[in-house]
Amino acid sequence: MIENGYITSVGTGGKGGTEVSEAEYNMILEAIHAKPEATGTTDYHLRDDLTWEAYEVDPPEPEEDELTDEEALEIILGGAV
């Protein structure tokens, strides 16, 4: 499937897609396996010319610390621990 010049999925003959030869399919898979590694703020789209285009992503949300049992009980009891 190609949308706006980007390969959005690769399948095995579903409806609505762009038909490719086995050689083209193998070239697409080779390009997919060569995708540059994403960073915390950059990922990549595969273009229909089999080049990767960088784009900015929102940084991941910081992980919240888990509550201790005591903190959870304090929340449940409204601070009366």
C-alpha atoms as a PDB file:
ATOM      1  CA  MET A   1       0.000   0.000   0.000  1.00  0.00           C
ATOM      2  CA  ILE A   2       1.268   3.453  -0.890  1.00  0.00           C
ATOM      3  CA  GLU A   3      -0.202   6.657   0.535  1.00  0.00           C
ATOM      4  CA  ASN A   4       1.085  10.124  -0.353  1.00  0.00           C
ATOM      5  CA  GLY A   5       4.382   8.712  -1.611  1.00  0.00           C
ATOM      6  CA  TYR A   6       5.036   6.519   1.454  1.00  0.00           C
ATOM      7  CA  ILE A   7       4.873   2.740   1.701  1.00  0.00           C
ATOM      8  CA  THR A   8       2.405   2.106   4.509  1.00  0.00           C
ATOM      9  CA  SER A   9       2.207  -1.677   4.394  1.00  0.00           C
ATOM     10  CA  VAL A  10       3.417  -4.705   2.482  1.00  0.00           C
ATOM     11  CA  GLY A  11       1.155  -7.693   2.082  1.00  0.00           C
ATOM     12  CA  THR A  12       0.454 -10.685  -0.069  1.00  0.00           C
ATOM     13  CA  GLY A  13      -2.230  -9.573  -2.491  1.00  0.00           C
ATOM     14  CA  GLY A  14      -4.901  -7.843  -0.455  1.00  0.00           C
ATOM     15  CA  LYS A  15      -7.406  -5.587  -2.174  1.00  0.00           C
ATOM     16  CA  GLY A  16      -6.582  -1.985  -2.947  1.00  0.00           C
ATOM     17  CA  GLY A  17      -2.813  -2.267  -2.955  1.00  0.00           C
ATOM     18  CA  THR A  18      -0.200  -1.701  -5.617  1.00  0.00           C
ATOM     19  CA  GLU A  19       0.800  -4.945  -7.329  1.00  0.00           C
ATOM     20  CA  VAL A  20       4.554  -5.593  -7.356  1.00  0.00           C
ATOM     21  CA  SER A  21       6.721  -8.341  -8.787  1.00  0.00           C
ATOM     22  CA  GLU A  22       8.543 -10.793  -6.553  1.00  0.00           C
ATOM     23  CA  ALA A  23      11.807  -8.920  -7.242  1.00  0.00           C
ATOM     24  CA  GLU A  24      10.201  -5.592  -6.224  1.00  0.00           C
ATOM     25  CA  TYR A  25       8.715  -7.206  -3.110  1.00  0.00           C
ATOM     26  CA  ASN A  26      12.166  -8.499  -2.131  1.00  0.00           C
ATOM     27  CA  MET A  27      13.683  -5.044  -2.687  1.00  0.00           C
ATOM     28  CA  ILE A  28      11.014  -3.503  -0.430  1.00  0.00           C
ATOM     29  CA  LEU A  29      11.694  -6.071   2.295  1.00  0.00           C
ATOM     30  CA  GLU A  30      15.426  -5.418   1.989  1.00  0.00           C
ATOM     31  CA  ALA A  31      14.794  -1.686   2.432  1.00  0.00           C
ATOM     32  CA  ILE A  32      12.573  -2.362   5.454  1.00  0.00           C
ATOM     33  CA  HIS A  33      15.319  -4.439   7.076  1.00  0.00           C
ATOM     34  CA  ALA A  34      17.783  -1.572   6.461  1.00  0.00           C
ATOM     35  CA  LYS A  35      15.649   1.002   8.308  1.00  0.00           C
ATOM     36  CA  PRO A  36      17.794   3.433  10.305  1.00  0.00           C
ATOM     37  CA  GLU A  37      17.430   3.092  14.051  1.00  0.00           C
ATOM     38  CA  ALA A  38      14.900   5.458  15.578  1.00  0.00           C
ATOM     39  CA  THR A  39      16.007   7.773  18.353  1.00  0.00           C
ATOM     40  CA  GLY A  40      13.915   9.290  21.104  1.00  0.00           C
ATOM     41  CA  THR A  41      12.819  12.152  18.854  1.00  0.00           C
ATOM     42  CA  THR A  42      13.355  10.889  15.289  1.00  0.00           C
ATOM     43  CA  ASP A  43      11.802   7.999  13.356  1.00  0.00           C
ATOM     44  CA  TYR A  44      11.651   7.198   9.643  1.00  0.00           C
ATOM     45  CA  HIS A  45       9.038   6.771   6.868  1.00  0.00           C
ATOM     46  CA  LEU A  46       9.786   4.538   3.881  1.00  0.00           C
ATOM     47  CA  ARG A  47       9.193   6.464   0.666  1.00  0.00           C
ATOM     48  CA  ASP A  48       7.955   4.801  -2.525  1.00  0.00           C
ATOM     49  CA  ASP A  49      11.459   5.236  -4.021  1.00  0.00           C
ATOM     50  CA  LEU A  50      12.733   2.988  -1.147  1.00  0.00           C
ATOM     51  CA  THR A  51      14.558   5.788   0.666  1.00  0.00           C
ATOM     52  CA  TRP A  52      14.011   6.557   4.332  1.00  0.00           C
ATOM     53  CA  GLU A  53      12.796  10.008   5.354  1.00  0.00           C
ATOM     54  CA  ALA A  54      13.360  11.191   8.909  1.00  0.00           C
ATOM     55  CA  TYR A  55      10.546  12.822  10.861  1.00  0.00           C
ATOM     56  CA  GLU A  56      10.272  14.202  14.364  1.00  0.00           C
ATOM     57  CA  VAL A  57       8.243  12.347  16.979  1.00  0.00           C
ATOM     58  CA  ASP A  58       7.090  13.486  20.371  1.00  0.00           C
ATOM     59  CA  PRO A  59       9.533  12.424  23.064  1.00  0.00           C
ATOM     60  CA  PRO A  60       8.348   9.474  25.121  1.00  0.00           C
ATOM     61  CA  GLU A  61       6.475  10.267  28.295  1.00  0.00           C
ATOM     62  CA  PRO A  62       8.653   9.866  31.377  1.00  0.00           C
ATOM     63  CA  GLU A  63       7.874   6.727  33.281  1.00  0.00           C
ATOM     64  CA  GLU A  64       6.112   7.383  36.533  1.00  0.00           C
ATOM     65  CA  ASP A  65       7.431   5.757  39.651  1.00  0.00           C
ATOM     66  CA  GLU A  66       5.239   3.068  41.119  1.00  0.00           C
ATOM     67  CA  LEU A  67       3.601   3.780  44.437  1.00  0.00           C
ATOM     68  CA  THR A  68       4.764   1.935  47.486  1.00  0.00           C
ATOM     69  CA  ASP A  69       2.161  -0.048  49.405  1.00  0.00           C
ATOM     70  CA  GLU A  70       2.212   2.633  52.092  1.00  0.00           C
ATOM     71  CA  GLU A  71       1.618   5.443  49.568  1.00  0.00           C
ATOM     72  CA  ALA A  72      -1.270   3.552  47.982  1.00  0.00           C
ATOM     73  CA  LEU A  73      -2.871   2.928  51.371  1.00  0.00           C
ATOM     74  CA  GLU A  74      -2.471   6.610  52.264  1.00  0.00           C
ATOM     75  CA  ILE A  75      -4.243   7.607  49.043  1.00  0.00           C
ATOM     76  CA  ILE A  76      -7.039   5.105  49.652  1.00  0.00           C
ATOM     77  CA  LEU A  77      -7.546   6.234  53.223  1.00  0.00           C
ATOM     78  CA  GLY A  78      -7.310   9.916  52.326  1.00  0.00           C
ATOM     79  CA  GLY A  79      -4.066  10.564  54.160  1.00  0.00           C
ATOM     80  CA  ALA A  80      -5.044   8.978  57.470  1.00  0.00           C
ATOM     81  CA  VAL A  81      -2.126   6.551  57.799  1.00  0.00           C
END
